[in-house]
Amino acid sequence: MTTNSLSYKLYTDHLEEVDFLLTQRMALFSDPEIDWPEIDEFEQRLDAHIKGLVLGGQAADKFCAGLLNSGDPDQIRAAIYALSHSESP
C-alpha cells in the first residue's frame, strides 16, 4: 500500500466517523432526556477525528474538497465540517 492510499484510507475512516458522529449529535441535541454535560465525551470523540484530518494538512483538505462533488449529502456534510476546521492556508 502506498503512502497516498494509506493516507486516503485514514482520511476516509476519519470522515466516516465524522459523518456518523454528526448524525448522532443531531439526535442527542434534540433529545430532551440528555443533559449537556453528558455530551462532552461525545464531543471529544468528534474533535479527535477532526484533529486527525487537520493533521493531514493540505492533502486531507484536498481529499475533503474532492468529496464536495460526490453527490452524497452525508459525505458532503462531513467534508464541509472538516474543512471548516482546516488550518491550511
Protein backbone atom coordinates (compact mmCIF):
# COMPACT_ATOMS: atom_id res chain seq x y z
CA MET A 1 0.00 0.00 0.00
CA THR A 2 1.39 3.39 -0.97
CA THR A 3 1.62 6.34 1.36
CA ASN A 4 -1.12 8.13 -0.59
CA SER A 5 -3.51 5.19 -0.43
CA LEU A 6 -2.79 4.74 3.28
CA SER A 7 -3.41 8.44 3.88
CA TYR A 8 -6.64 8.36 1.89
CA LYS A 9 -7.77 5.31 3.87
CA LEU A 10 -7.15 7.22 7.11
CA TYR A 11 -8.98 10.29 5.78
CA THR A 12 -11.89 8.09 4.71
CA ASP A 13 -12.05 6.43 8.12
CA HIS A 14 -11.98 9.79 9.91
CA LEU A 15 -14.66 11.24 7.62
CA GLU A 16 -16.92 8.23 8.06
CA GLU A 17 -16.69 8.69 11.82
CA VAL A 18 -17.30 12.44 11.50
CA ASP A 19 -20.40 11.70 9.42
CA PHE A 20 -21.65 9.15 11.96
CA LEU A 21 -20.95 11.43 14.90
CA LEU A 22 -22.61 14.45 13.29
CA THR A 23 -25.74 12.37 12.74
CA GLN A 24 -25.66 11.20 16.34
CA ARG A 25 -25.01 14.73 17.53
CA MET A 26 -28.20 15.99 15.90
CA ALA A 27 -30.15 13.22 17.65
CA LEU A 28 -28.54 14.00 21.01
CA PHE A 29 -29.25 17.70 20.77
CA SER A 30 -32.92 17.06 20.08
CA ASP A 31 -33.30 14.53 22.93
CA PRO A 32 -34.78 16.30 25.99
CA GLU A 33 -33.57 13.46 28.23
CA ILE A 34 -29.89 14.22 27.53
CA ASP A 35 -28.09 16.76 29.69
CA TRP A 36 -25.41 18.91 28.04
CA PRO A 37 -22.61 17.62 30.29
CA GLU A 38 -23.35 14.08 29.06
CA ILE A 39 -22.41 15.14 25.53
CA ASP A 40 -18.86 16.17 26.45
CA GLU A 41 -17.31 12.73 25.86
CA PHE A 42 -19.12 12.53 22.54
CA GLU A 43 -17.82 15.97 21.52
CA GLN A 44 -14.27 14.92 22.43
CA ARG A 45 -14.57 11.91 20.14
CA LEU A 46 -15.78 14.10 17.27
CA ASP A 47 -12.95 16.55 17.94
CA ALA A 48 -10.37 13.75 17.85
CA HIS A 49 -11.46 12.71 14.36
CA ILE A 50 -11.37 16.32 13.17
CA LYS A 51 -7.86 16.70 14.61
CA GLY A 52 -6.85 13.58 12.70
CA LEU A 53 -7.92 15.29 9.49
CA VAL A 54 -6.32 18.61 10.44
CA LEU A 55 -3.01 16.77 10.91
CA GLY A 56 -3.32 15.65 7.29
CA GLY A 57 -2.88 19.27 6.26
CA GLN A 58 -3.39 20.26 2.65
CA ALA A 59 -3.56 16.63 1.49
CA ALA A 60 -6.53 15.99 3.78
CA ASP A 61 -8.12 19.26 2.69
CA LYS A 62 -7.76 18.27 -0.96
CA PHE A 63 -9.31 14.88 -0.19
CA CYS A 64 -12.25 16.51 1.61
CA ALA A 65 -12.71 19.10 -1.13
CA GLY A 66 -12.93 16.29 -3.67
CA LEU A 67 -15.92 14.89 -1.79
CA LEU A 68 -17.89 18.11 -2.17
CA ASN A 69 -18.94 16.91 -5.62
CA SER A 70 -19.72 13.35 -4.51
CA GLY A 71 -23.47 13.83 -4.54
CA ASP A 72 -23.67 12.07 -1.16
CA PRO A 73 -25.18 14.55 1.33
CA ASP A 74 -23.59 12.78 4.32
CA GLN A 75 -20.10 12.88 2.78
CA ILE A 76 -20.59 16.49 1.78
CA ARG A 77 -21.68 17.46 5.31
CA ALA A 78 -18.70 15.67 6.89
CA ALA A 79 -16.28 17.20 4.35
CA ILE A 80 -17.62 20.72 4.96
CA TYR A 81 -17.39 20.24 8.72
CA ALA A 82 -13.79 19.00 8.39
CA LEU A 83 -12.81 21.81 6.01
CA SER A 84 -14.29 24.38 8.38
CA HIS A 85 -11.70 23.25 10.94
CA SER A 86 -8.79 23.28 8.50
CA GLU A 87 -5.65 25.12 9.45
CA SER A 88 -4.23 25.12 5.92
CA PRO A 89 -3.85 28.43 4.14
